[in-house]
Amino acid sequence: MAKKDQIGGAFSDLVGGDKKPKPTKRSQRPVGVALAPEQIAKLDQIAAEIEGSRSDVIRYAIDDLIRRYDSGEIKTVTETRVETVKKLKQDTE
């Protein structure tokens, strides 16, 4: 079985020692989000304009949403709706 330092050395040889991810002060965790092709295209357009990445644009949008929600600008609503449901009639004989 390969040892940790052997694997690390082999990995560094493949990708280069300077390619190792740098730790950040802010702990981040990836979250998958399904987007429509039009949304992805718009994200790419905005990212190109600000010379950033999709991730930068999405993080900004989420931060803005949370700020607006916390300030009361965005409120949740409770809706009541009535639906007609069709059921099969059963003979009870």
PDB file of N, CA and C in Angstrom:
ATOM      1  N   MET A   1       0.843  -1.168   0.000  1.00  0.00           N
ATOM      2  CA  MET A   1       0.000   0.000   0.000  1.00  0.00           C
ATOM      3  C   MET A   1       0.897   1.242   0.000  1.00  0.00           C
ATOM      4  N   ALA A   2       0.528   2.244  -0.774  1.00  0.00           N
ATOM      5  CA  ALA A   2       1.314   3.471  -0.867  1.00  0.00           C
ATOM      6  C   ALA A   2       1.151   4.296   0.401  1.00  0.00           C
ATOM      7  N   LYS A   3       2.236   4.939   0.780  1.00  0.00           N
ATOM      8  CA  LYS A   3       2.190   5.799   1.957  1.00  0.00           C
ATOM      9  C   LYS A   3       1.797   7.207   1.548  1.00  0.00           C
ATOM     10  N   LYS A   4       1.342   7.983   2.537  1.00  0.00           N
ATOM     11  CA  LYS A   4       0.836   9.329   2.291  1.00  0.00           C
ATOM     12  C   LYS A   4       1.866  10.206   1.582  1.00  0.00           C
ATOM     13  N   ASP A   5       3.142  10.165   2.034  1.00  0.00           N
ATOM     14  CA  ASP A   5       4.159  11.015   1.411  1.00  0.00           C
ATOM     15  C   ASP A   5       4.464  10.583  -0.020  1.00  0.00           C
ATOM     16  N   GLN A   6       4.331   9.290  -0.330  1.00  0.00           N
ATOM     17  CA  GLN A   6       4.537   8.821  -1.694  1.00  0.00           C
ATOM     18  C   GLN A   6       3.420   9.332  -2.611  1.00  0.00           C
ATOM     19  N   ILE A   7       2.197   9.284  -2.112  1.00  0.00           N
ATOM     20  CA  ILE A   7       1.061   9.761  -2.894  1.00  0.00           C
ATOM     21  C   ILE A   7       1.179  11.268  -3.107  1.00  0.00           C
ATOM     22  N   GLY A   8       1.522  11.987  -2.047  1.00  0.00           N
ATOM     23  CA  GLY A   8       1.685  13.433  -2.150  1.00  0.00           C
ATOM     24  C   GLY A   8       2.758  13.809  -3.151  1.00  0.00           C
ATOM     25  N   GLY A   9       3.871  13.096  -3.122  1.00  0.00           N
ATOM     26  CA  GLY A   9       4.953  13.363  -4.062  1.00  0.00           C
ATOM     27  C   GLY A   9       4.550  13.087  -5.493  1.00  0.00           C
ATOM     28  N   ALA A  10       3.857  11.970  -5.712  1.00  0.00           N
ATOM     29  CA  ALA A  10       3.400  11.621  -7.055  1.00  0.00           C
ATOM     30  C   ALA A  10       2.393  12.646  -7.554  1.00  0.00           C
ATOM     31  N   PHE A  11       1.501  13.095  -6.676  1.00  0.00           N
ATOM     32  CA  PHE A  11       0.506  14.096  -7.057  1.00  0.00           C
ATOM     33  C   PHE A  11       1.202  15.407  -7.434  1.00  0.00           C
ATOM     34  N   SER A  12       2.189  15.809  -6.643  1.00  0.00           N
ATOM     35  CA  SER A  12       2.925  17.046  -6.940  1.00  0.00           C
ATOM     36  C   SER A  12       3.643  16.949  -8.278  1.00  0.00           C
ATOM     37  N   ASP A  13       4.172  15.751  -8.594  1.00  0.00           N
ATOM     38  CA  ASP A  13       4.837  15.566  -9.879  1.00  0.00           C
ATOM     39  C   ASP A  13       3.852  15.741 -11.034  1.00  0.00           C
ATOM     40  N   LEU A  14       2.605  15.288 -10.832  1.00  0.00           N
ATOM     41  CA  LEU A  14       1.602  15.382 -11.899  1.00  0.00           C
ATOM     42  C   LEU A  14       1.093  16.803 -12.104  1.00  0.00           C
ATOM     43  N   VAL A  15       0.782  17.488 -11.025  1.00  0.00           N
ATOM     44  CA  VAL A  15       0.153  18.802 -11.150  1.00  0.00           C
ATOM     45  C   VAL A  15       1.074  19.954 -10.769  1.00  0.00           C
ATOM     46  N   GLY A  16       2.228  19.652 -10.267  1.00  0.00           N
ATOM     47  CA  GLY A  16       3.133  20.717  -9.855  1.00  0.00           C
ATOM     48  C   GLY A  16       2.890  21.075  -8.405  1.00  0.00           C
ATOM     49  N   GLY A  17       3.943  21.335  -7.677  1.00  0.00           N
ATOM     50  CA  GLY A  17       3.844  21.622  -6.260  1.00  0.00           C
ATOM     51  C   GLY A  17       3.077  22.894  -5.951  1.00  0.00           C
ATOM     52  N   ASP A  18       3.104  23.868  -6.871  1.00  0.00           N
ATOM     53  CA  ASP A  18       2.436  25.143  -6.613  1.00  0.00           C
ATOM     54  C   ASP A  18       0.937  25.098  -6.894  1.00  0.00           C
ATOM     55  N   LYS A  19       0.409  23.971  -7.338  1.00  0.00           N
ATOM     56  CA  LYS A  19      -1.010  23.850  -7.661  1.00  0.00           C
ATOM     57  C   LYS A  19      -1.859  23.447  -6.460  1.00  0.00           C
ATOM     58  N   LYS A  20      -1.232  23.259  -5.315  1.00  0.00           N
ATOM     59  CA  LYS A  20      -1.962  22.836  -4.126  1.00  0.00           C
ATOM     60  C   LYS A  20      -2.916  23.947  -3.687  1.00  0.00           C
ATOM     61  N   PRO A  21      -4.170  23.607  -3.363  1.00  0.00           N
ATOM     62  CA  PRO A  21      -5.109  24.649  -2.939  1.00  0.00           C
ATOM     63  C   PRO A  21      -4.615  25.381  -1.702  1.00  0.00           C
ATOM     64  N   LYS A  22      -4.785  26.685  -1.717  1.00  0.00           N
ATOM     65  CA  LYS A  22      -4.373  27.497  -0.578  1.00  0.00           C
ATOM     66  C   LYS A  22      -5.536  27.610   0.398  1.00  0.00           C
ATOM     67  N   PRO A  23      -5.267  27.454   1.694  1.00  0.00           N
ATOM     68  CA  PRO A  23      -6.358  27.596   2.673  1.00  0.00           C
ATOM     69  C   PRO A  23      -6.856  29.034   2.711  1.00  0.00           C
ATOM     70  N   THR A  24      -8.142  29.188   2.922  1.00  0.00           N
ATOM     71  CA  THR A  24      -8.728  30.523   3.020  1.00  0.00           C
ATOM     72  C   THR A  24      -9.206  30.762   4.436  1.00  0.00           C
ATOM     73  N   LYS A  25      -9.378  32.032   4.788  1.00  0.00           N
ATOM     74  CA  LYS A  25      -9.885  32.369   6.114  1.00  0.00           C
ATOM     75  C   LYS A  25     -11.334  31.952   6.247  1.00  0.00           C
ATOM     76  N   ARG A  26     -12.088  32.103   5.168  1.00  0.00           N
ATOM     77  CA  ARG A  26     -13.510  31.794   5.190  1.00  0.00           C
ATOM     78  C   ARG A  26     -13.714  30.340   4.769  1.00  0.00           C
ATOM     79  N   SER A  27     -14.389  29.598   5.593  1.00  0.00           N
ATOM     80  CA  SER A  27     -14.653  28.200   5.274  1.00  0.00           C
ATOM     81  C   SER A  27     -15.775  28.142   4.252  1.00  0.00           C
ATOM     82  N   GLN A  28     -15.522  27.536   3.127  1.00  0.00           N
ATOM     83  CA  GLN A  28     -16.519  27.435   2.073  1.00  0.00           C
ATOM     84  C   GLN A  28     -16.744  25.982   1.731  1.00  0.00           C
ATOM     85  N   ARG A  29     -17.979  25.674   1.354  1.00  0.00           N
ATOM     86  CA  ARG A  29     -18.341  24.320   0.984  1.00  0.00           C
ATOM     87  C   ARG A  29     -19.130  24.375  -0.315  1.00  0.00           C
ATOM     88  N   PRO A  30     -18.772  23.576  -1.299  1.00  0.00           N
ATOM     89  CA  PRO A  30     -19.508  23.602  -2.560  1.00  0.00           C
ATOM     90  C   PRO A  30     -20.938  23.100  -2.396  1.00  0.00           C
ATOM     91  N   VAL A  31     -21.850  23.728  -3.125  1.00  0.00           N
ATOM     92  CA  VAL A  31     -23.254  23.344  -3.121  1.00  0.00           C
ATOM     93  C   VAL A  31     -23.704  23.271  -4.573  1.00  0.00           C
ATOM     94  N   GLY A  32     -24.307  22.174  -4.939  1.00  0.00           N
ATOM     95  CA  GLY A  32     -24.781  22.024  -6.311  1.00  0.00           C
ATOM     96  C   GLY A  32     -26.110  22.714  -6.514  1.00  0.00           C
ATOM     97  N   VAL A  33     -26.229  23.465  -7.606  1.00  0.00           N
ATOM     98  CA  VAL A  33     -27.467  24.157  -7.936  1.00  0.00           C
ATOM     99  C   VAL A  33     -27.756  23.905  -9.413  1.00  0.00           C
ATOM    100  N   ALA A  34     -28.960  23.450  -9.709  1.00  0.00           N
ATOM    101  CA  ALA A  34     -29.348  23.226 -11.097  1.00  0.00           C
ATOM    102  C   ALA A  34     -29.810  24.544 -11.699  1.00  0.00           C
ATOM    103  N   LEU A  35     -29.213  24.938 -12.824  1.00  0.00           N
ATOM    104  CA  LEU A  35     -29.564  26.181 -13.494  1.00  0.00           C
ATOM    105  C   LEU A  35     -29.947  25.903 -14.943  1.00  0.00           C
ATOM    106  N   ALA A  36     -30.816  26.747 -15.471  1.00  0.00           N
ATOM    107  CA  ALA A  36     -31.205  26.656 -16.880  1.00  0.00           C
ATOM    108  C   ALA A  36     -30.043  27.173 -17.738  1.00  0.00           C
ATOM    109  N   PRO A  37     -29.954  26.724 -18.973  1.00  0.00           N
ATOM    110  CA  PRO A  37     -28.876  27.199 -19.856  1.00  0.00           C
ATOM    111  C   PRO A  37     -28.833  28.731 -19.981  1.00  0.00           C
ATOM    112  N   GLU A  38     -30.008  29.373 -19.978  1.00  0.00           N
ATOM    113  CA  GLU A  38     -30.047  30.836 -20.090  1.00  0.00           C
ATOM    114  C   GLU A  38     -29.422  31.491 -18.847  1.00  0.00           C
ATOM    115  N   GLN A  39     -29.665  30.883 -17.692  1.00  0.00           N
ATOM    116  CA  GLN A  39     -29.101  31.421 -16.456  1.00  0.00           C
ATOM    117  C   GLN A  39     -27.580  31.284 -16.457  1.00  0.00           C
ATOM    118  N   ILE A  40     -27.089  30.161 -16.929  1.00  0.00           N
ATOM    119  CA  ILE A  40     -25.643  29.944 -16.996  1.00  0.00           C
ATOM    120  C   ILE A  40     -25.007  30.933 -17.961  1.00  0.00           C
ATOM    121  N   ALA A  41     -25.658  31.159 -19.102  1.00  0.00           N
ATOM    122  CA  ALA A  41     -25.139  32.118 -20.082  1.00  0.00           C
ATOM    123  C   ALA A  41     -25.072  33.520 -19.481  1.00  0.00           C
ATOM    124  N   LYS A  42     -26.110  33.916 -18.753  1.00  0.00           N
ATOM    125  CA  LYS A  42     -26.128  35.238 -18.120  1.00  0.00           C
ATOM    126  C   LYS A  42     -25.051  35.334 -17.043  1.00  0.00           C
ATOM    127  N   LEU A  43     -24.881  34.267 -16.260  1.00  0.00           N
ATOM    128  CA  LEU A  43     -23.805  34.250 -15.262  1.00  0.00           C
ATOM    129  C   LEU A  43     -22.446  34.440 -15.916  1.00  0.00           C
ATOM    130  N   ASP A  44     -22.227  33.736 -17.022  1.00  0.00           N
ATOM    131  CA  ASP A  44     -20.956  33.861 -17.744  1.00  0.00           C
ATOM    132  C   ASP A  44     -20.753  35.284 -18.255  1.00  0.00           C
ATOM    133  N   GLN A  45     -21.825  35.899 -18.751  1.00  0.00           N
ATOM    134  CA  GLN A  45     -21.746  37.270 -19.259  1.00  0.00           C
ATOM    135  C   GLN A  45     -21.369  38.243 -18.132  1.00  0.00           C
ATOM    136  N   ILE A  46     -22.041  38.113 -16.990  1.00  0.00           N
ATOM    137  CA  ILE A  46     -21.759  38.992 -15.852  1.00  0.00           C
ATOM    138  C   ILE A  46     -20.339  38.759 -15.344  1.00  0.00           C
ATOM    139  N   ALA A  47     -19.948  37.494 -15.242  1.00  0.00           N
ATOM    140  CA  ALA A  47     -18.600  37.160 -14.760  1.00  0.00           C
ATOM    141  C   ALA A  47     -17.535  37.760 -15.680  1.00  0.00           C
ATOM    142  N   ALA A  48     -17.771  37.707 -16.979  1.00  0.00           N
ATOM    143  CA  ALA A  48     -16.815  38.283 -17.930  1.00  0.00           C
ATOM    144  C   ALA A  48     -16.733  39.804 -17.760  1.00  0.00           C
ATOM    145  N   GLU A  49     -17.873  40.446 -17.544  1.00  0.00           N
ATOM    146  CA  GLU A  49     -17.898  41.903 -17.376  1.00  0.00           C
ATOM    147  C   GLU A  49     -17.149  42.349 -16.128  1.00  0.00           C
ATOM    148  N   ILE A  50     -17.259  41.585 -15.043  1.00  0.00           N
ATOM    149  CA  ILE A  50     -16.574  41.980 -13.808  1.00  0.00           C
ATOM    150  C   ILE A  50     -15.195  41.323 -13.687  1.00  0.00           C
ATOM    151  N   GLU A  51     -14.827  40.579 -14.720  1.00  0.00           N
ATOM    152  CA  GLU A  51     -13.556  39.851 -14.742  1.00  0.00           C
ATOM    153  C   GLU A  51     -13.429  38.950 -13.524  1.00  0.00           C
ATOM    154  N   GLY A  52     -14.498  38.206 -13.256  1.00  0.00           N
ATOM    155  CA  GLY A  52     -14.531  37.268 -12.143  1.00  0.00           C
ATOM    156  C   GLY A  52     -14.992  35.914 -12.621  1.00  0.00           C
ATOM    157  N   SER A  53     -15.444  35.106 -11.691  1.00  0.00           N
ATOM    158  CA  SER A  53     -15.909  33.760 -12.027  1.00  0.00           C
ATOM    159  C   SER A  53     -17.407  33.639 -11.745  1.00  0.00           C
ATOM    160  N   ARG A  54     -17.995  32.567 -12.240  1.00  0.00           N
ATOM    161  CA  ARG A  54     -19.396  32.279 -11.924  1.00  0.00           C
ATOM    162  C   ARG A  54     -19.596  32.225 -10.413  1.00  0.00           C
ATOM    163  N   SER A  55     -18.658  31.592  -9.757  1.00  0.00           N
ATOM    164  CA  SER A  55     -18.738  31.438  -8.310  1.00  0.00           C
ATOM    165  C   SER A  55     -18.771  32.801  -7.615  1.00  0.00           C
ATOM    166  N   ASP A  56     -17.966  33.752  -8.093  1.00  0.00           N
ATOM    167  CA  ASP A  56     -17.977  35.102  -7.519  1.00  0.00           C
ATOM    168  C   ASP A  56     -19.356  35.737  -7.656  1.00  0.00           C
ATOM    169  N   VAL A  57     -19.949  35.590  -8.849  1.00  0.00           N
ATOM    170  CA  VAL A  57     -21.258  36.198  -9.115  1.00  0.00           C
ATOM    171  C   VAL A  57     -22.327  35.549  -8.236  1.00  0.00           C
ATOM    172  N   ILE A  58     -22.310  34.237  -8.130  1.00  0.00           N
ATOM    173  CA  ILE A  58     -23.313  33.526  -7.334  1.00  0.00           C
ATOM    174  C   ILE A  58     -23.164  33.870  -5.851  1.00  0.00           C
ATOM    175  N   ARG A  59     -21.923  33.920  -5.352  1.00  0.00           N
ATOM    176  CA  ARG A  59     -21.721  34.285  -3.940  1.00  0.00           C
ATOM    177  C   ARG A  59     -22.224  35.698  -3.668  1.00  0.00           C
ATOM    178  N   TYR A  60     -21.980  36.625  -4.596  1.00  0.00           N
ATOM    179  CA  TYR A  60     -22.481  37.992  -4.428  1.00  0.00           C
ATOM    180  C   TYR A  60     -24.010  37.987  -4.375  1.00  0.00           C
ATOM    181  N   ALA A  61     -24.636  37.243  -5.294  1.00  0.00           N
ATOM    182  CA  ALA A  61     -26.098  37.200  -5.347  1.00  0.00           C
ATOM    183  C   ALA A  61     -26.677  36.612  -4.061  1.00  0.00           C
ATOM    184  N   ILE A  62     -26.066  35.569  -3.543  1.00  0.00           N
ATOM    185  CA  ILE A  62     -26.537  34.952  -2.302  1.00  0.00           C
ATOM    186  C   ILE A  62     -26.348  35.909  -1.132  1.00  0.00           C
ATOM    187  N   ASP A  63     -25.190  36.560  -1.061  1.00  0.00           N
ATOM    188  CA  ASP A  63     -24.948  37.535   0.012  1.00  0.00           C
ATOM    189  C   ASP A  63     -25.977  38.666  -0.049  1.00  0.00           C
ATOM    190  N   ASP A  64     -26.290  39.131  -1.260  1.00  0.00           N
ATOM    191  CA  ASP A  64     -27.268  40.205  -1.428  1.00  0.00           C
ATOM    192  C   ASP A  64     -28.664  39.741  -1.013  1.00  0.00           C
ATOM    193  N   LEU A  65     -29.038  38.529  -1.390  1.00  0.00           N
ATOM    194  CA  LEU A  65     -30.335  37.974  -0.998  1.00  0.00           C
ATOM    195  C   LEU A  65     -30.452  37.885   0.522  1.00  0.00           C
ATOM    196  N   ILE A  66     -29.429  37.371   1.171  1.00  0.00           N
ATOM    197  CA  ILE A  66     -29.449  37.231   2.629  1.00  0.00           C
ATOM    198  C   ILE A  66     -29.525  38.610   3.294  1.00  0.00           C
ATOM    199  N   ARG A  67     -28.751  39.569   2.798  1.00  0.00           N
ATOM    200  CA  ARG A  67     -28.789  40.928   3.362  1.00  0.00           C
ATOM    201  C   ARG A  67     -30.186  41.526   3.225  1.00  0.00           C
ATOM    202  N   ARG A  68     -30.801  41.376   2.045  1.00  0.00           N
ATOM    203  CA  ARG A  68     -32.136  41.929   1.812  1.00  0.00           C
ATOM    204  C   ARG A  68     -33.183  41.217   2.666  1.00  0.00           C
ATOM    205  N   TYR A  69     -33.061  39.920   2.822  1.00  0.00           N
ATOM    206  CA  TYR A  69     -33.995  39.153   3.653  1.00  0.00           C
ATOM    207  C   TYR A  69     -33.877  39.577   5.117  1.00  0.00           C
ATOM    208  N   ASP A  70     -32.630  39.657   5.602  1.00  0.00           N
ATOM    209  CA  ASP A  70     -32.404  40.042   6.999  1.00  0.00           C
ATOM    210  C   ASP A  70     -32.881  41.464   7.299  1.00  0.00           C
ATOM    211  N   SER A  71     -32.813  42.350   6.309  1.00  0.00           N
ATOM    212  CA  SER A  71     -33.237  43.738   6.532  1.00  0.00           C
ATOM    213  C   SER A  71     -34.753  43.902   6.439  1.00  0.00           C
ATOM    214  N   GLY A  72     -35.464  42.853   6.016  1.00  0.00           N
ATOM    215  CA  GLY A  72     -36.917  42.918   5.900  1.00  0.00           C
ATOM    216  C   GLY A  72     -37.411  43.350   4.533  1.00  0.00           C
ATOM    217  N   GLU A  73     -36.494  43.610   3.619  1.00  0.00           N
ATOM    218  CA  GLU A  73     -36.881  44.003   2.264  1.00  0.00           C
ATOM    219  C   GLU A  73     -37.606  42.864   1.543  1.00  0.00           C
ATOM    220  N   ILE A  74     -37.224  41.658   1.839  1.00  0.00           N
ATOM    221  CA  ILE A  74     -37.877  40.470   1.274  1.00  0.00           C
ATOM    222  C   ILE A  74     -38.582  39.766   2.414  1.00  0.00           C
ATOM    223  N   LYS A  75     -39.856  39.516   2.255  1.00  0.00           N
ATOM    224  CA  LYS A  75     -40.636  38.870   3.309  1.00  0.00           C
ATOM    225  C   LYS A  75     -41.248  37.578   2.788  1.00  0.00           C
ATOM    226  N   THR A  76     -41.420  36.657   3.688  1.00  0.00           N
ATOM    227  CA  THR A  76     -42.106  35.425   3.324  1.00  0.00           C
ATOM    228  C   THR A  76     -43.610  35.663   3.418  1.00  0.00           C
ATOM    229  N   VAL A  77     -44.355  34.937   2.622  1.00  0.00           N
ATOM    230  CA  VAL A  77     -45.812  35.049   2.662  1.00  0.00           C
ATOM    231  C   VAL A  77     -46.405  33.659   2.813  1.00  0.00           C
ATOM    232  N   THR A  78     -47.563  33.618   3.410  1.00  0.00           N
ATOM    233  CA  THR A  78     -48.290  32.365   3.537  1.00  0.00           C
ATOM    234  C   THR A  78     -49.474  32.448   2.589  1.00  0.00           C
ATOM    235  N   GLU A  79     -49.586  31.465   1.737  1.00  0.00           N
ATOM    236  CA  GLU A  79     -50.688  31.437   0.786  1.00  0.00           C
ATOM    237  C   GLU A  79     -51.616  30.288   1.124  1.00  0.00           C
ATOM    238  N   THR A  80     -52.888  30.517   0.905  1.00  0.00           N
ATOM    239  CA  THR A  80     -53.874  29.460   1.047  1.00  0.00           C
ATOM    240  C   THR A  80     -54.464  29.234  -0.328  1.00  0.00           C
ATOM    241  N   ARG A  81     -54.530  27.993  -0.726  1.00  0.00           N
ATOM    242  CA  ARG A  81     -55.133  27.724  -2.024  1.00  0.00           C
ATOM    243  C   ARG A  81     -56.052  26.532  -1.911  1.00  0.00           C
ATOM    244  N   VAL A  82     -57.080  26.543  -2.742  1.00  0.00           N
ATOM    245  CA  VAL A  82     -58.066  25.476  -2.748  1.00  0.00           C
ATOM    246  C   VAL A  82     -57.880  24.704  -4.046  1.00  0.00           C
ATOM    247  N   GLU A  83     -57.822  23.402  -3.922  1.00  0.00           N
ATOM    248  CA  GLU A  83     -57.672  22.556  -5.099  1.00  0.00           C
ATOM    249  C   GLU A  83     -58.813  21.558  -5.141  1.00  0.00           C
ATOM    250  N   THR A  84     -59.303  21.280  -6.338  1.00  0.00           N
ATOM    251  CA  THR A  84     -60.319  20.263  -6.525  1.00  0.00           C
ATOM    252  C   THR A  84     -59.605  18.948  -6.807  1.00  0.00           C
ATOM    253  N   VAL A  85     -59.990  17.924  -6.058  1.00  0.00           N
ATOM    254  CA  VAL A  85     -59.362  16.617  -6.204  1.00  0.00           C
ATOM    255  C   VAL A  85     -60.414  15.630  -6.676  1.00  0.00           C
ATOM    256  N   LYS A  86     -60.092  14.872  -7.722  1.00  0.00           N
ATOM    257  CA  LYS A  86     -61.016  13.847  -8.213  1.00  0.00           C
ATOM    258  C   LYS A  86     -60.593  12.506  -7.647  1.00  0.00           C
ATOM    259  N   LYS A  87     -61.596  11.767  -7.128  1.00  0.00           N
ATOM    260  CA  LYS A  87     -61.340  10.442  -6.580  1.00  0.00           C
ATOM    261  C   LYS A  87     -62.223   9.446  -7.318  1.00  0.00           C
ATOM    262  N   LEU A  88     -61.763   8.223  -7.371  1.00  0.00           N
ATOM    263  CA  LEU A  88     -62.571   7.172  -7.969  1.00  0.00           C
ATOM    264  C   LEU A  88     -63.664   6.772  -6.997  1.00  0.00           C
ATOM    265  N   LYS A  89     -64.872   6.611  -7.529  1.00  0.00           N
ATOM    266  CA  LYS A  89     -65.983   6.206  -6.670  1.00  0.00           C
ATOM    267  C   LYS A  89     -65.929   4.684  -6.515  1.00  0.00           C
ATOM    268  N   GLN A  90     -66.073   4.227  -5.276  1.00  0.00           N
ATOM    269  CA  GLN A  90     -66.055   2.791  -5.010  1.00  0.00           C
ATOM    270  C   GLN A  90     -67.439   2.319  -4.637  1.00  0.00           C
ATOM    271  N   ASP A  91     -67.806   1.153  -5.136  1.00  0.00           N
ATOM    272  CA  ASP A  91     -69.081   0.545  -4.729  1.00  0.00           C
ATOM    273  C   ASP A  91     -68.920   0.021  -3.319  1.00  0.00           C
ATOM    274  N   THR A  92     -69.894   0.322  -2.468  1.00  0.00           N
ATOM    275  CA  THR A  92     -69.817  -0.144  -1.076  1.00  0.00           C
ATOM    276  C   THR A  92     -70.889  -1.180  -0.786  1.00  0.00           C
ATOM    277  N   GLU A  93     -71.294  -1.930  -1.760  1.00  0.00           N
ATOM    278  CA  GLU A  93     -72.343  -2.941  -1.571  1.00  0.00           C
ATOM    279  C   GLU A  93     -71.827  -4.178  -0.939  1.00  0.00           C
TER     280      GLU A  93
END
